[in-house]
């Protein structure tokens, strides 16, 4: 296992927070289960980033971040703390994923080749 990006560690810690946050903040219902499931997914993507470094896991984290931001309104979270936790955590997941994509040499080289030298 080789850690290439600090953002993967930050995502892992954020995923752990998401799993524990319903209990720490005291919310329940759909918010509890959605937060735990999305938190476990963030953890899985972060660990995948340690085991098989690839920019593809960042795209998955982007989608998870969007799901965290949208969940309070699509599901209807009842507690304000649950909404704030989901939105802030989702924005951080997105931030870490975009930051890693923008600083990863493999991804930026791939993006540059596709953008400046498109296949005919």
PDB file of N, CA and C in Angstrom:
ATOM      1  N   UNK A   1       0.859  -1.171   0.000  1.00  0.00           N
ATOM      2  CA  UNK A   1       0.000   0.000   0.000  1.00  0.00           C
ATOM      3  C   UNK A   1       0.903   1.231   0.000  1.00  0.00           C
ATOM      4  N   UNK A   2       0.616   2.147  -0.909  1.00  0.00           N
ATOM      5  CA  UNK A   2       1.430   3.348  -1.045  1.00  0.00           C
ATOM      6  C   UNK A   2       0.511   4.560  -1.149  1.00  0.00           C
ATOM      7  N   UNK A   3       0.681   5.498  -0.242  1.00  0.00           N
ATOM      8  CA  UNK A   3      -0.137   6.700  -0.261  1.00  0.00           C
ATOM      9  C   UNK A   3       0.548   7.728  -1.150  1.00  0.00           C
ATOM     10  N   UNK A   4      -0.124   8.135  -2.211  1.00  0.00           N
ATOM     11  CA  UNK A   4       0.448   9.093  -3.141  1.00  0.00           C
ATOM     12  C   UNK A   4      -0.069  10.508  -2.918  1.00  0.00           C
ATOM     13  N   UNK A   5      -1.252  10.639  -2.346  1.00  0.00           N
ATOM     14  CA  UNK A   5      -1.877  11.952  -2.219  1.00  0.00           C
ATOM     15  C   UNK A   5      -2.447  12.128  -0.817  1.00  0.00           C
ATOM     16  N   UNK A   6      -2.175  13.267  -0.212  1.00  0.00           N
ATOM     17  CA  UNK A   6      -2.721  13.563   1.114  1.00  0.00           C
ATOM     18  C   UNK A   6      -4.239  13.660   1.069  1.00  0.00           C
ATOM     19  N   UNK A   7      -4.788  13.975  -0.099  1.00  0.00           N
ATOM     20  CA  UNK A   7      -6.235  14.106  -0.217  1.00  0.00           C
ATOM     21  C   UNK A   7      -6.946  12.772   0.047  1.00  0.00           C
ATOM     22  N   UNK A   8      -6.266  11.653  -0.264  1.00  0.00           N
ATOM     23  CA  UNK A   8      -6.864  10.347   0.017  1.00  0.00           C
ATOM     24  C   UNK A   8      -6.978  10.124   1.525  1.00  0.00           C
ATOM     25  N   UNK A   9      -5.980  10.561   2.275  1.00  0.00           N
ATOM     26  CA  UNK A   9      -6.039  10.449   3.731  1.00  0.00           C
ATOM     27  C   UNK A   9      -7.157  11.343   4.263  1.00  0.00           C
ATOM     28  N   UNK A  10      -7.249  12.559   3.734  1.00  0.00           N
ATOM     29  CA  UNK A  10      -8.311  13.477   4.160  1.00  0.00           C
ATOM     30  C   UNK A  10      -9.681  12.890   3.843  1.00  0.00           C
ATOM     31  N   UNK A  11      -9.828  12.272   2.676  1.00  0.00           N
ATOM     32  CA  UNK A  11     -11.102  11.645   2.310  1.00  0.00           C
ATOM     33  C   UNK A  11     -11.418  10.472   3.229  1.00  0.00           C
ATOM     34  N   UNK A  12     -10.400   9.693   3.564  1.00  0.00           N
ATOM     35  CA  UNK A  12     -10.604   8.575   4.479  1.00  0.00           C
ATOM     36  C   UNK A  12     -11.111   9.080   5.831  1.00  0.00           C
ATOM     37  N   UNK A  13     -10.465  10.107   6.369  1.00  0.00           N
ATOM     38  CA  UNK A  13     -10.893  10.669   7.654  1.00  0.00           C
ATOM     39  C   UNK A  13     -12.297  11.257   7.560  1.00  0.00           C
ATOM     40  N   UNK A  14     -12.599  11.892   6.443  1.00  0.00           N
ATOM     41  CA  UNK A  14     -13.941  12.442   6.244  1.00  0.00           C
ATOM     42  C   UNK A  14     -14.986  11.329   6.161  1.00  0.00           C
ATOM     43  N   UNK A  15     -14.640  10.238   5.500  1.00  0.00           N
ATOM     44  CA  UNK A  15     -15.548   9.092   5.439  1.00  0.00           C
ATOM     45  C   UNK A  15     -15.809   8.504   6.818  1.00  0.00           C
ATOM     46  N   UNK A  16     -14.758   8.413   7.632  1.00  0.00           N
ATOM     47  CA  UNK A  16     -14.929   7.929   9.008  1.00  0.00           C
ATOM     48  C   UNK A  16     -15.842   8.872   9.779  1.00  0.00           C
ATOM     49  N   UNK A  17     -15.624  10.189   9.606  1.00  0.00           N
ATOM     50  CA  UNK A  17     -16.505  11.162  10.263  1.00  0.00           C
ATOM     51  C   UNK A  17     -17.959  10.952   9.836  1.00  0.00           C
ATOM     52  N   UNK A  18     -18.177  10.746   8.542  1.00  0.00           N
ATOM     53  CA  UNK A  18     -19.545  10.561   8.058  1.00  0.00           C
ATOM     54  C   UNK A  18     -20.210   9.346   8.704  1.00  0.00           C
ATOM     55  N   UNK A  19     -19.464   8.273   8.880  1.00  0.00           N
ATOM     56  CA  UNK A  19     -20.019   7.073   9.507  1.00  0.00           C
ATOM     57  C   UNK A  19     -20.351   7.330  10.976  1.00  0.00           C
ATOM     58  N   UNK A  20     -19.520   8.098  11.656  1.00  0.00           N
ATOM     59  CA  UNK A  20     -19.719   8.347  13.087  1.00  0.00           C
ATOM     60  C   UNK A  20     -20.625   9.544  13.382  1.00  0.00           C
ATOM     61  N   UNK A  21     -20.751  10.457  12.430  1.00  0.00           N
ATOM     62  CA  UNK A  21     -21.444  11.719  12.694  1.00  0.00           C
ATOM     63  C   UNK A  21     -22.917  11.586  13.099  1.00  0.00           C
ATOM     64  N   UNK A  22     -23.683  10.629  12.572  1.00  0.00           N
ATOM     65  CA  UNK A  22     -25.073  10.536  13.036  1.00  0.00           C
ATOM     66  C   UNK A  22     -25.168  10.291  14.544  1.00  0.00           C
ATOM     67  N   UNK A  23     -24.209   9.538  15.061  1.00  0.00           N
ATOM     68  CA  UNK A  23     -24.214   9.233  16.490  1.00  0.00           C
ATOM     69  C   UNK A  23     -23.668  10.413  17.294  1.00  0.00           C
ATOM     70  N   UNK A  24     -22.650  11.077  16.757  1.00  0.00           N
ATOM     71  CA  UNK A  24     -22.058  12.231  17.448  1.00  0.00           C
ATOM     72  C   UNK A  24     -23.012  13.422  17.464  1.00  0.00           C
ATOM     73  N   UNK A  25     -23.750  13.615  16.369  1.00  0.00           N
ATOM     74  CA  UNK A  25     -24.643  14.767  16.255  1.00  0.00           C
ATOM     75  C   UNK A  25     -26.086  14.448  16.620  1.00  0.00           C
ATOM     76  N   UNK A  26     -26.388  13.172  16.767  1.00  0.00           N
ATOM     77  CA  UNK A  26     -27.706  12.765  17.230  1.00  0.00           C
ATOM     78  C   UNK A  26     -28.829  12.888  16.226  1.00  0.00           C
ATOM     79  N   UNK A  27     -28.565  12.556  14.966  1.00  0.00           N
ATOM     80  CA  UNK A  27     -29.690  12.543  14.040  1.00  0.00           C
ATOM     81  C   UNK A  27     -30.052  11.121  13.659  1.00  0.00           C
ATOM     82  N   UNK A  28     -31.265  10.961  13.129  1.00  0.00           N
ATOM     83  CA  UNK A  28     -31.786   9.629  12.873  1.00  0.00           C
ATOM     84  C   UNK A  28     -32.553   9.593  11.560  1.00  0.00           C
ATOM     85  N   UNK A  29     -33.305   8.537  11.363  1.00  0.00           N
ATOM     86  CA  UNK A  29     -34.122   8.393  10.158  1.00  0.00           C
ATOM     87  C   UNK A  29     -33.281   8.153   8.920  1.00  0.00           C
ATOM     88  N   UNK A  30     -33.787   8.627   7.803  1.00  0.00           N
ATOM     89  CA  UNK A  30     -33.102   8.444   6.521  1.00  0.00           C
ATOM     90  C   UNK A  30     -31.726   9.097   6.530  1.00  0.00           C
ATOM     91  N   UNK A  31     -31.601  10.230   7.200  1.00  0.00           N
ATOM     92  CA  UNK A  31     -30.320  10.926   7.255  1.00  0.00           C
ATOM     93  C   UNK A  31     -29.236  10.045   7.865  1.00  0.00           C
ATOM     94  N   UNK A  32     -29.604   9.295   8.902  1.00  0.00           N
ATOM     95  CA  UNK A  32     -28.645   8.410   9.557  1.00  0.00           C
ATOM     96  C   UNK A  32     -28.104   7.387   8.575  1.00  0.00           C
ATOM     97  N   UNK A  33     -28.998   6.682   7.904  1.00  0.00           N
ATOM     98  CA  UNK A  33     -28.572   5.590   7.016  1.00  0.00           C
ATOM     99  C   UNK A  33     -27.885   6.087   5.759  1.00  0.00           C
ATOM    100  N   UNK A  34     -28.381   7.144   5.175  1.00  0.00           N
ATOM    101  CA  UNK A  34     -27.745   7.674   3.963  1.00  0.00           C
ATOM    102  C   UNK A  34     -26.349   8.180   4.276  1.00  0.00           C
ATOM    103  N   UNK A  35     -26.193   8.864   5.398  1.00  0.00           N
ATOM    104  CA  UNK A  35     -24.879   9.381   5.778  1.00  0.00           C
ATOM    105  C   UNK A  35     -23.899   8.244   6.023  1.00  0.00           C
ATOM    106  N   UNK A  36     -24.341   7.201   6.707  1.00  0.00           N
ATOM    107  CA  UNK A  36     -23.460   6.055   6.965  1.00  0.00           C
ATOM    108  C   UNK A  36     -23.060   5.367   5.659  1.00  0.00           C
ATOM    109  N   UNK A  37     -24.027   5.113   4.793  1.00  0.00           N
ATOM    110  CA  UNK A  37     -23.734   4.413   3.528  1.00  0.00           C
ATOM    111  C   UNK A  37     -22.794   5.244   2.653  1.00  0.00           C
ATOM    112  N   UNK A  38     -23.085   6.532   2.512  1.00  0.00           N
ATOM    113  CA  UNK A  38     -22.204   7.374   1.697  1.00  0.00           C
ATOM    114  C   UNK A  38     -20.830   7.510   2.345  1.00  0.00           C
ATOM    115  N   UNK A  39     -20.777   7.554   3.668  1.00  0.00           N
ATOM    116  CA  UNK A  39     -19.493   7.591   4.365  1.00  0.00           C
ATOM    117  C   UNK A  39     -18.671   6.337   4.112  1.00  0.00           C
ATOM    118  N   UNK A  40     -19.324   5.166   4.154  1.00  0.00           N
ATOM    119  CA  UNK A  40     -18.621   3.914   3.845  1.00  0.00           C
ATOM    120  C   UNK A  40     -18.105   3.914   2.411  1.00  0.00           C
ATOM    121  N   UNK A  41     -18.880   4.463   1.497  1.00  0.00           N
ATOM    122  CA  UNK A  41     -18.437   4.554   0.099  1.00  0.00           C
ATOM    123  C   UNK A  41     -17.226   5.478  -0.038  1.00  0.00           C
ATOM    124  N   UNK A  42     -17.233   6.596   0.668  1.00  0.00           N
ATOM    125  CA  UNK A  42     -16.077   7.501   0.652  1.00  0.00           C
ATOM    126  C   UNK A  42     -14.848   6.762   1.183  1.00  0.00           C
ATOM    127  N   UNK A  43     -15.019   6.002   2.265  1.00  0.00           N
ATOM    128  CA  UNK A  43     -13.909   5.221   2.816  1.00  0.00           C
ATOM    129  C   UNK A  43     -13.390   4.227   1.780  1.00  0.00           C
ATOM    130  N   UNK A  44     -14.295   3.517   1.123  1.00  0.00           N
ATOM    131  CA  UNK A  44     -13.880   2.530   0.115  1.00  0.00           C
ATOM    132  C   UNK A  44     -13.100   3.172  -1.027  1.00  0.00           C
ATOM    133  N   UNK A  45     -13.571   4.318  -1.517  1.00  0.00           N
ATOM    134  CA  UNK A  45     -12.852   4.997  -2.593  1.00  0.00           C
ATOM    135  C   UNK A  45     -11.489   5.485  -2.127  1.00  0.00           C
ATOM    136  N   UNK A  46     -11.397   5.979  -0.891  1.00  0.00           N
ATOM    137  CA  UNK A  46     -10.118   6.448  -0.366  1.00  0.00           C
ATOM    138  C   UNK A  46      -9.134   5.288  -0.237  1.00  0.00           C
ATOM    139  N   UNK A  47      -9.596   4.161   0.278  1.00  0.00           N
ATOM    140  CA  UNK A  47      -8.728   2.981   0.406  1.00  0.00           C
ATOM    141  C   UNK A  47      -8.322   2.485  -0.976  1.00  0.00           C
ATOM    142  N   UNK A  48      -9.249   2.529  -1.917  1.00  0.00           N
ATOM    143  CA  UNK A  48      -8.907   2.142  -3.297  1.00  0.00           C
ATOM    144  C   UNK A  48      -7.807   3.040  -3.832  1.00  0.00           C
ATOM    145  N   UNK A  49      -7.830   4.309  -3.459  1.00  0.00           N
ATOM    146  CA  UNK A  49      -6.772   5.231  -3.876  1.00  0.00           C
ATOM    147  C   UNK A  49      -5.413   4.853  -3.314  1.00  0.00           C
ATOM    148  N   UNK A  50      -5.396   4.205  -2.131  1.00  0.00           N
ATOM    149  CA  UNK A  50      -4.135   3.727  -1.553  1.00  0.00           C
ATOM    150  C   UNK A  50      -3.645   2.473  -2.269  1.00  0.00           C
ATOM    151  N   UNK A  51      -4.571   1.560  -2.563  1.00  0.00           N
ATOM    152  CA  UNK A  51      -4.208   0.256  -3.103  1.00  0.00           C
ATOM    153  C   UNK A  51      -3.947   0.281  -4.603  1.00  0.00           C
ATOM    154  N   UNK A  52      -4.795   0.973  -5.342  1.00  0.00           N
ATOM    155  CA  UNK A  52      -4.680   1.026  -6.801  1.00  0.00           C
ATOM    156  C   UNK A  52      -4.771   2.494  -7.210  1.00  0.00           C
ATOM    157  N   UNK A  53      -3.671   3.233  -7.076  1.00  0.00           N
ATOM    158  CA  UNK A  53      -3.735   4.666  -7.401  1.00  0.00           C
ATOM    159  C   UNK A  53      -4.208   4.885  -8.844  1.00  0.00           C
ATOM    160  N   UNK A  54      -5.272   5.631  -8.958  1.00  0.00           N
ATOM    161  CA  UNK A  54      -5.857   5.935 -10.256  1.00  0.00           C
ATOM    162  C   UNK A  54      -6.718   7.174 -10.101  1.00  0.00           C
ATOM    163  N   UNK A  55      -6.795   7.963 -11.133  1.00  0.00           N
ATOM    164  CA  UNK A  55      -7.649   9.146 -11.066  1.00  0.00           C
ATOM    165  C   UNK A  55      -9.131   8.779 -11.136  1.00  0.00           C
ATOM    166  N   UNK A  56      -9.459   7.555 -11.478  1.00  0.00           N
ATOM    167  CA  UNK A  56     -10.860   7.153 -11.606  1.00  0.00           C
ATOM    168  C   UNK A  56     -11.603   7.192 -10.279  1.00  0.00           C
ATOM    169  N   UNK A  57     -10.910   6.900  -9.165  1.00  0.00           N
ATOM    170  CA  UNK A  57     -11.594   6.942  -7.870  1.00  0.00           C
ATOM    171  C   UNK A  57     -12.013   8.356  -7.514  1.00  0.00           C
ATOM    172  N   UNK A  58     -11.310   9.347  -8.047  1.00  0.00           N
ATOM    173  CA  UNK A  58     -11.690  10.733  -7.768  1.00  0.00           C
ATOM    174  C   UNK A  58     -13.026  11.069  -8.410  1.00  0.00           C
ATOM    175  N   UNK A  59     -13.289  10.505  -9.575  1.00  0.00           N
ATOM    176  CA  UNK A  59     -14.586  10.738 -10.215  1.00  0.00           C
ATOM    177  C   UNK A  59     -15.700  10.127  -9.373  1.00  0.00           C
ATOM    178  N   UNK A  60     -15.438   8.965  -8.802  1.00  0.00           N
ATOM    179  CA  UNK A  60     -16.415   8.359  -7.897  1.00  0.00           C
ATOM    180  C   UNK A  60     -16.650   9.218  -6.669  1.00  0.00           C
ATOM    181  N   UNK A  61     -15.576   9.777  -6.127  1.00  0.00           N
ATOM    182  CA  UNK A  61     -15.719  10.659  -4.969  1.00  0.00           C
ATOM    183  C   UNK A  61     -16.479  11.928  -5.333  1.00  0.00           C
ATOM    184  N   UNK A  62     -16.271  12.429  -6.531  1.00  0.00           N
ATOM    185  CA  UNK A  62     -17.052  13.592  -6.968  1.00  0.00           C
ATOM    186  C   UNK A  62     -18.546  13.279  -6.939  1.00  0.00           C
ATOM    187  N   UNK A  63     -18.913  12.125  -7.445  1.00  0.00           N
ATOM    188  CA  UNK A  63     -20.326  11.729  -7.447  1.00  0.00           C
ATOM    189  C   UNK A  63     -20.853  11.553  -6.023  1.00  0.00           C
ATOM    190  N   UNK A  64     -20.034  10.968  -5.149  1.00  0.00           N
ATOM    191  CA  UNK A  64     -20.455  10.817  -3.754  1.00  0.00           C
ATOM    192  C   UNK A  64     -20.629  12.182  -3.090  1.00  0.00           C
ATOM    193  N   UNK A  65     -19.731  13.113  -3.382  1.00  0.00           N
ATOM    194  CA  UNK A  65     -19.857  14.458  -2.833  1.00  0.00           C
ATOM    195  C   UNK A  65     -21.136  15.136  -3.296  1.00  0.00           C
ATOM    196  N   UNK A  66     -21.450  14.974  -4.576  1.00  0.00           N
ATOM    197  CA  UNK A  66     -22.702  15.541  -5.096  1.00  0.00           C
ATOM    198  C   UNK A  66     -23.913  14.899  -4.423  1.00  0.00           C
ATOM    199  N   UNK A  67     -23.846  13.591  -4.191  1.00  0.00           N
ATOM    200  CA  UNK A  67     -24.941  12.897  -3.517  1.00  0.00           C
ATOM    201  C   UNK A  67     -25.107  13.417  -2.087  1.00  0.00           C
ATOM    202  N   UNK A  68     -24.001  13.656  -1.405  1.00  0.00           N
ATOM    203  CA  UNK A  68     -24.074  14.194  -0.044  1.00  0.00           C
ATOM    204  C   UNK A  68     -24.684  15.590  -0.026  1.00  0.00           C
ATOM    205  N   UNK A  69     -24.333  16.412  -1.019  1.00  0.00           N
ATOM    206  CA  UNK A  69     -24.883  17.773  -1.089  1.00  0.00           C
ATOM    207  C   UNK A  69     -26.376  17.733  -1.410  1.00  0.00           C
ATOM    208  N   UNK A  70     -26.787  16.844  -2.288  1.00  0.00           N
ATOM    209  CA  UNK A  70     -28.184  16.798  -2.724  1.00  0.00           C
ATOM    210  C   UNK A  70     -29.107  16.038  -1.774  1.00  0.00           C
ATOM    211  N   UNK A  71     -28.563  15.112  -1.014  1.00  0.00           N
ATOM    212  CA  UNK A  71     -29.394  14.219  -0.186  1.00  0.00           C
ATOM    213  C   UNK A  71     -30.373  14.934   0.744  1.00  0.00           C
ATOM    214  N   UNK A  72     -29.979  15.987   1.441  1.00  0.00           N
ATOM    215  CA  UNK A  72     -30.942  16.602   2.368  1.00  0.00           C
ATOM    216  C   UNK A  72     -32.225  17.077   1.696  1.00  0.00           C
ATOM    217  N   UNK A  73     -32.131  17.484   0.445  1.00  0.00           N
ATOM    218  CA  UNK A  73     -33.323  18.004  -0.232  1.00  0.00           C
ATOM    219  C   UNK A  73     -34.049  16.933  -1.033  1.00  0.00           C
ATOM    220  N   UNK A  74     -33.327  15.951  -1.523  1.00  0.00           N
ATOM    221  CA  UNK A  74     -33.988  14.887  -2.277  1.00  0.00           C
ATOM    222  C   UNK A  74     -34.677  13.898  -1.353  1.00  0.00           C
ATOM    223  N   UNK A  75     -34.131  13.701  -0.162  1.00  0.00           N
ATOM    224  CA  UNK A  75     -34.703  12.759   0.794  1.00  0.00           C
ATOM    225  C   UNK A  75     -35.553  13.478   1.834  1.00  0.00           C
ATOM    226  N   UNK A  76     -35.185  14.710   2.154  1.00  0.00           N
ATOM    227  CA  UNK A  76     -35.921  15.480   3.140  1.00  0.00           C
ATOM    228  C   UNK A  76     -35.437  15.248   4.558  1.00  0.00           C
ATOM    229  N   UNK A  77     -34.197  15.610   4.819  1.00  0.00           N
ATOM    230  CA  UNK A  77     -33.667  15.476   6.178  1.00  0.00           C
ATOM    231  C   UNK A  77     -34.469  16.359   7.118  1.00  0.00           C
ATOM    232  N   UNK A  78     -34.761  15.840   8.291  1.00  0.00           N
ATOM    233  CA  UNK A  78     -35.566  16.582   9.249  1.00  0.00           C
ATOM    234  C   UNK A  78     -34.725  17.432  10.198  1.00  0.00           C
ATOM    235  N   UNK A  79     -33.511  17.002  10.480  1.00  0.00           N
ATOM    236  CA  UNK A  79     -32.655  17.721  11.416  1.00  0.00           C
ATOM    237  C   UNK A  79     -31.706  18.666  10.683  1.00  0.00           C
ATOM    238  N   UNK A  80     -31.582  19.884  11.211  1.00  0.00           N
ATOM    239  CA  UNK A  80     -30.686  20.869  10.609  1.00  0.00           C
ATOM    240  C   UNK A  80     -29.237  20.452  10.644  1.00  0.00           C
ATOM    241  N   UNK A  81     -28.811  19.784  11.733  1.00  0.00           N
ATOM    242  CA  UNK A  81     -27.422  19.332  11.823  1.00  0.00           C
ATOM    243  C   UNK A  81     -27.116  18.301  10.749  1.00  0.00           C
ATOM    244  N   UNK A  82     -28.085  17.461  10.452  1.00  0.00           N
ATOM    245  CA  UNK A  82     -27.891  16.439   9.419  1.00  0.00           C
ATOM    246  C   UNK A  82     -27.688  17.097   8.061  1.00  0.00           C
ATOM    247  N   UNK A  83     -28.483  18.122   7.781  1.00  0.00           N
ATOM    248  CA  UNK A  83     -28.347  18.847   6.508  1.00  0.00           C
ATOM    249  C   UNK A  83     -27.003  19.539   6.420  1.00  0.00           C
ATOM    250  N   UNK A  84     -26.636  20.283   7.464  1.00  0.00           N
ATOM    251  CA  UNK A  84     -25.360  21.003   7.460  1.00  0.00           C
ATOM    252  C   UNK A  84     -24.187  20.033   7.337  1.00  0.00           C
ATOM    253  N   UNK A  85     -24.236  18.933   8.073  1.00  0.00           N
ATOM    254  CA  UNK A  85     -23.173  17.937   8.031  1.00  0.00           C
ATOM    255  C   UNK A  85     -23.033  17.351   6.629  1.00  0.00           C
ATOM    256  N   UNK A  86     -24.150  17.014   6.016  1.00  0.00           N
ATOM    257  CA  UNK A  86     -24.127  16.407   4.691  1.00  0.00           C
ATOM    258  C   UNK A  86     -23.585  17.375   3.641  1.00  0.00           C
ATOM    259  N   UNK A  87     -24.041  18.619   3.679  1.00  0.00           N
ATOM    260  CA  UNK A  87     -23.606  19.606   2.680  1.00  0.00           C
ATOM    261  C   UNK A  87     -22.123  19.942   2.849  1.00  0.00           C
ATOM    262  N   UNK A  88     -21.704  20.232   4.069  1.00  0.00           N
ATOM    263  CA  UNK A  88     -20.292  20.585   4.299  1.00  0.00           C
ATOM    264  C   UNK A  88     -19.385  19.404   3.962  1.00  0.00           C
ATOM    265  N   UNK A  89     -19.765  18.211   4.406  1.00  0.00           N
ATOM    266  CA  UNK A  89     -18.958  17.024   4.096  1.00  0.00           C
ATOM    267  C   UNK A  89     -18.912  16.762   2.593  1.00  0.00           C
ATOM    268  N   UNK A  90     -20.044  16.906   1.925  1.00  0.00           N
ATOM    269  CA  UNK A  90     -20.087  16.704   0.476  1.00  0.00           C
ATOM    270  C   UNK A  90     -19.198  17.695  -0.263  1.00  0.00           C
ATOM    271  N   UNK A  91     -19.238  18.952   0.152  1.00  0.00           N
ATOM    272  CA  UNK A  91     -18.379  19.962  -0.480  1.00  0.00           C
ATOM    273  C   UNK A  91     -16.902  19.647  -0.244  1.00  0.00           C
ATOM    274  N   UNK A  92     -16.560  19.150   0.949  1.00  0.00           N
ATOM    275  CA  UNK A  92     -15.169  18.777   1.218  1.00  0.00           C
ATOM    276  C   UNK A  92     -14.739  17.574   0.382  1.00  0.00           C
ATOM    277  N   UNK A  93     -15.620  16.587   0.232  1.00  0.00           N
ATOM    278  CA  UNK A  93     -15.307  15.431  -0.616  1.00  0.00           C
ATOM    279  C   UNK A  93     -15.037  15.898  -2.045  1.00  0.00           C
ATOM    280  N   UNK A  94     -15.883  16.791  -2.541  1.00  0.00           N
ATOM    281  CA  UNK A  94     -15.695  17.333  -3.890  1.00  0.00           C
ATOM    282  C   UNK A  94     -14.385  18.108  -3.979  1.00  0.00           C
ATOM    283  N   UNK A  95     -14.117  18.953  -2.995  1.00  0.00           N
ATOM    284  CA  UNK A  95     -12.883  19.742  -2.982  1.00  0.00           C
ATOM    285  C   UNK A  95     -11.651  18.855  -3.014  1.00  0.00           C
ATOM    286  N   UNK A  96     -11.606  17.831  -2.161  1.00  0.00           N
ATOM    287  CA  UNK A  96     -10.445  16.940  -2.130  1.00  0.00           C
ATOM    288  C   UNK A  96     -10.279  16.205  -3.452  1.00  0.00           C
ATOM    289  N   UNK A  97     -11.376  15.759  -4.055  1.00  0.00           N
ATOM    290  CA  UNK A  97     -11.301  15.037  -5.322  1.00  0.00           C
ATOM    291  C   UNK A  97     -10.800  15.941  -6.442  1.00  0.00           C
ATOM    292  N   UNK A  98     -11.350  17.141  -6.541  1.00  0.00           N
ATOM    293  CA  UNK A  98     -10.917  18.075  -7.592  1.00  0.00           C
ATOM    294  C   UNK A  98      -9.458  18.475  -7.372  1.00  0.00           C
ATOM    295  N   UNK A  99      -9.098  18.743  -6.130  1.00  0.00           N
ATOM    296  CA  UNK A  99      -7.720  19.124  -5.808  1.00  0.00           C
ATOM    297  C   UNK A  99      -6.755  18.021  -6.237  1.00  0.00           C
ATOM    298  N   UNK A 100      -7.106  16.777  -5.919  1.00  0.00           N
ATOM    299  CA  UNK A 100      -6.230  15.675  -6.313  1.00  0.00           C
ATOM    300  C   UNK A 100      -6.160  15.539  -7.827  1.00  0.00           C
ATOM    301  N   UNK A 101      -7.288  15.675  -8.507  1.00  0.00           N
ATOM    302  CA  UNK A 101      -7.271  15.588  -9.965  1.00  0.00           C
ATOM    303  C   UNK A 101      -6.387  16.670 -10.580  1.00  0.00           C
ATOM    304  N   UNK A 102      -6.449  17.864 -10.025  1.00  0.00           N
ATOM    305  CA  UNK A 102      -5.690  18.979 -10.594  1.00  0.00           C
ATOM    306  C   UNK A 102      -4.193  18.894 -10.294  1.00  0.00           C
ATOM    307  N   UNK A 103      -3.812  18.115  -9.287  1.00  0.00           N
ATOM    308  CA  UNK A 103      -2.392  18.019  -8.929  1.00  0.00           C
ATOM    309  C   UNK A 103      -1.780  16.666  -9.271  1.00  0.00           C
ATOM    310  N   UNK A 104      -2.572  15.717  -9.732  1.00  0.00           N
ATOM    311  CA  UNK A 104      -2.064  14.393 -10.074  1.00  0.00           C
ATOM    312  C   UNK A 104      -1.415  14.430 -11.451  1.00  0.00           C
ATOM    313  N   UNK A 105      -0.143  14.070 -11.521  1.00  0.00           N
ATOM    314  CA  UNK A 105       0.582  14.136 -12.793  1.00  0.00           C
ATOM    315  C   UNK A 105       0.014  13.194 -13.845  1.00  0.00           C
ATOM    316  N   UNK A 106      -0.392  11.993 -13.439  1.00  0.00           N
ATOM    317  CA  UNK A 106      -0.946  11.046 -14.411  1.00  0.00           C
ATOM    318  C   UNK A 106      -2.224  11.582 -15.037  1.00  0.00           C
ATOM    319  N   UNK A 107      -3.104  12.128 -14.192  1.00  0.00           N
ATOM    320  CA  UNK A 107      -4.355  12.650 -14.718  1.00  0.00           C
ATOM    321  C   UNK A 107      -4.123  13.885 -15.574  1.00  0.00           C
ATOM    322  N   UNK A 108      -3.293  14.822 -15.121  1.00  0.00           N
ATOM    323  CA  UNK A 108      -3.077  16.037 -15.903  1.00  0.00           C
ATOM    324  C   UNK A 108      -2.404  15.720 -17.231  1.00  0.00           C
ATOM    325  N   UNK A 109      -1.501  14.722 -17.249  1.00  0.00           N
ATOM    326  CA  UNK A 109      -0.886  14.315 -18.523  1.00  0.00           C
ATOM    327  C   UNK A 109      -1.926  13.699 -19.446  1.00  0.00           C
ATOM    328  N   UNK A 110      -2.799  12.830 -18.889  1.00  0.00           N
ATOM    329  CA  UNK A 110      -3.864  12.221 -19.682  1.00  0.00           C
ATOM    330  C   UNK A 110      -4.793  13.291 -20.233  1.00  0.00           C
ATOM    331  N   UNK A 111      -5.200  14.240 -19.372  1.00  0.00           N
ATOM    332  CA  UNK A 111      -6.106  15.311 -19.777  1.00  0.00           C
ATOM    333  C   UNK A 111      -5.462  16.179 -20.859  1.00  0.00           C
ATOM    334  N   UNK A 112      -4.187  16.504 -20.674  1.00  0.00           N
ATOM    335  CA  UNK A 112      -3.471  17.332 -21.657  1.00  0.00           C
ATOM    336  C   UNK A 112      -3.416  16.632 -23.008  1.00  0.00           C
ATOM    337  N   UNK A 113      -3.101  15.330 -23.001  1.00  0.00           N
ATOM    338  CA  UNK A 113      -3.032  14.583 -24.259  1.00  0.00           C
ATOM    339  C   UNK A 113      -4.391  14.542 -24.952  1.00  0.00           C
ATOM    340  N   UNK A 114      -5.463  14.357 -24.217  1.00  0.00           N
ATOM    341  CA  UNK A 114      -6.803  14.285 -24.818  1.00  0.00           C
ATOM    342  C   UNK A 114      -7.275  15.641 -25.313  1.00  0.00           C
ATOM    343  N   UNK A 115      -6.913  16.703 -24.581  1.00  0.00           N
ATOM    344  CA  UNK A 115      -7.358  18.037 -24.909  1.00  0.00           C
ATOM    345  C   UNK A 115      -6.577  18.621 -26.084  1.00  0.00           C
ATOM    346  N   UNK A 116      -5.262  18.417 -26.075  1.00  0.00           N
ATOM    347  CA  UNK A 116      -4.410  19.044 -27.090  1.00  0.00           C
ATOM    348  C   UNK A 116      -4.096  18.132 -28.274  1.00  0.00           C
ATOM    349  N   UNK A 117      -4.304  16.837 -28.117  1.00  0.00           N
ATOM    350  CA  UNK A 117      -4.032  15.912 -29.196  1.00  0.00           C
ATOM    351  C   UNK A 117      -5.182  14.918 -29.334  1.00  0.00           C
ATOM    352  N   UNK A 118      -6.365  15.388 -29.711  1.00  0.00           N
ATOM    353  CA  UNK A 118      -7.502  14.456 -29.801  1.00  0.00           C
ATOM    354  C   UNK A 118      -7.284  13.415 -30.885  1.00  0.00           C
ATOM    355  N   UNK A 119      -7.823  12.228 -30.652  1.00  0.00           N
ATOM    356  CA  UNK A 119      -7.715  11.144 -31.639  1.00  0.00           C
ATOM    357  C   UNK A 119      -8.526  11.503 -32.867  1.00  0.00           C
ATOM    358  N   UNK A 120      -8.024  11.133 -33.982  1.00  0.00           N
ATOM    359  CA  UNK A 120      -8.729  11.424 -35.241  1.00  0.00           C
ATOM    360  C   UNK A 120      -9.729  10.371 -35.560  1.00  0.00           C
TER     361      UNK A 120
END
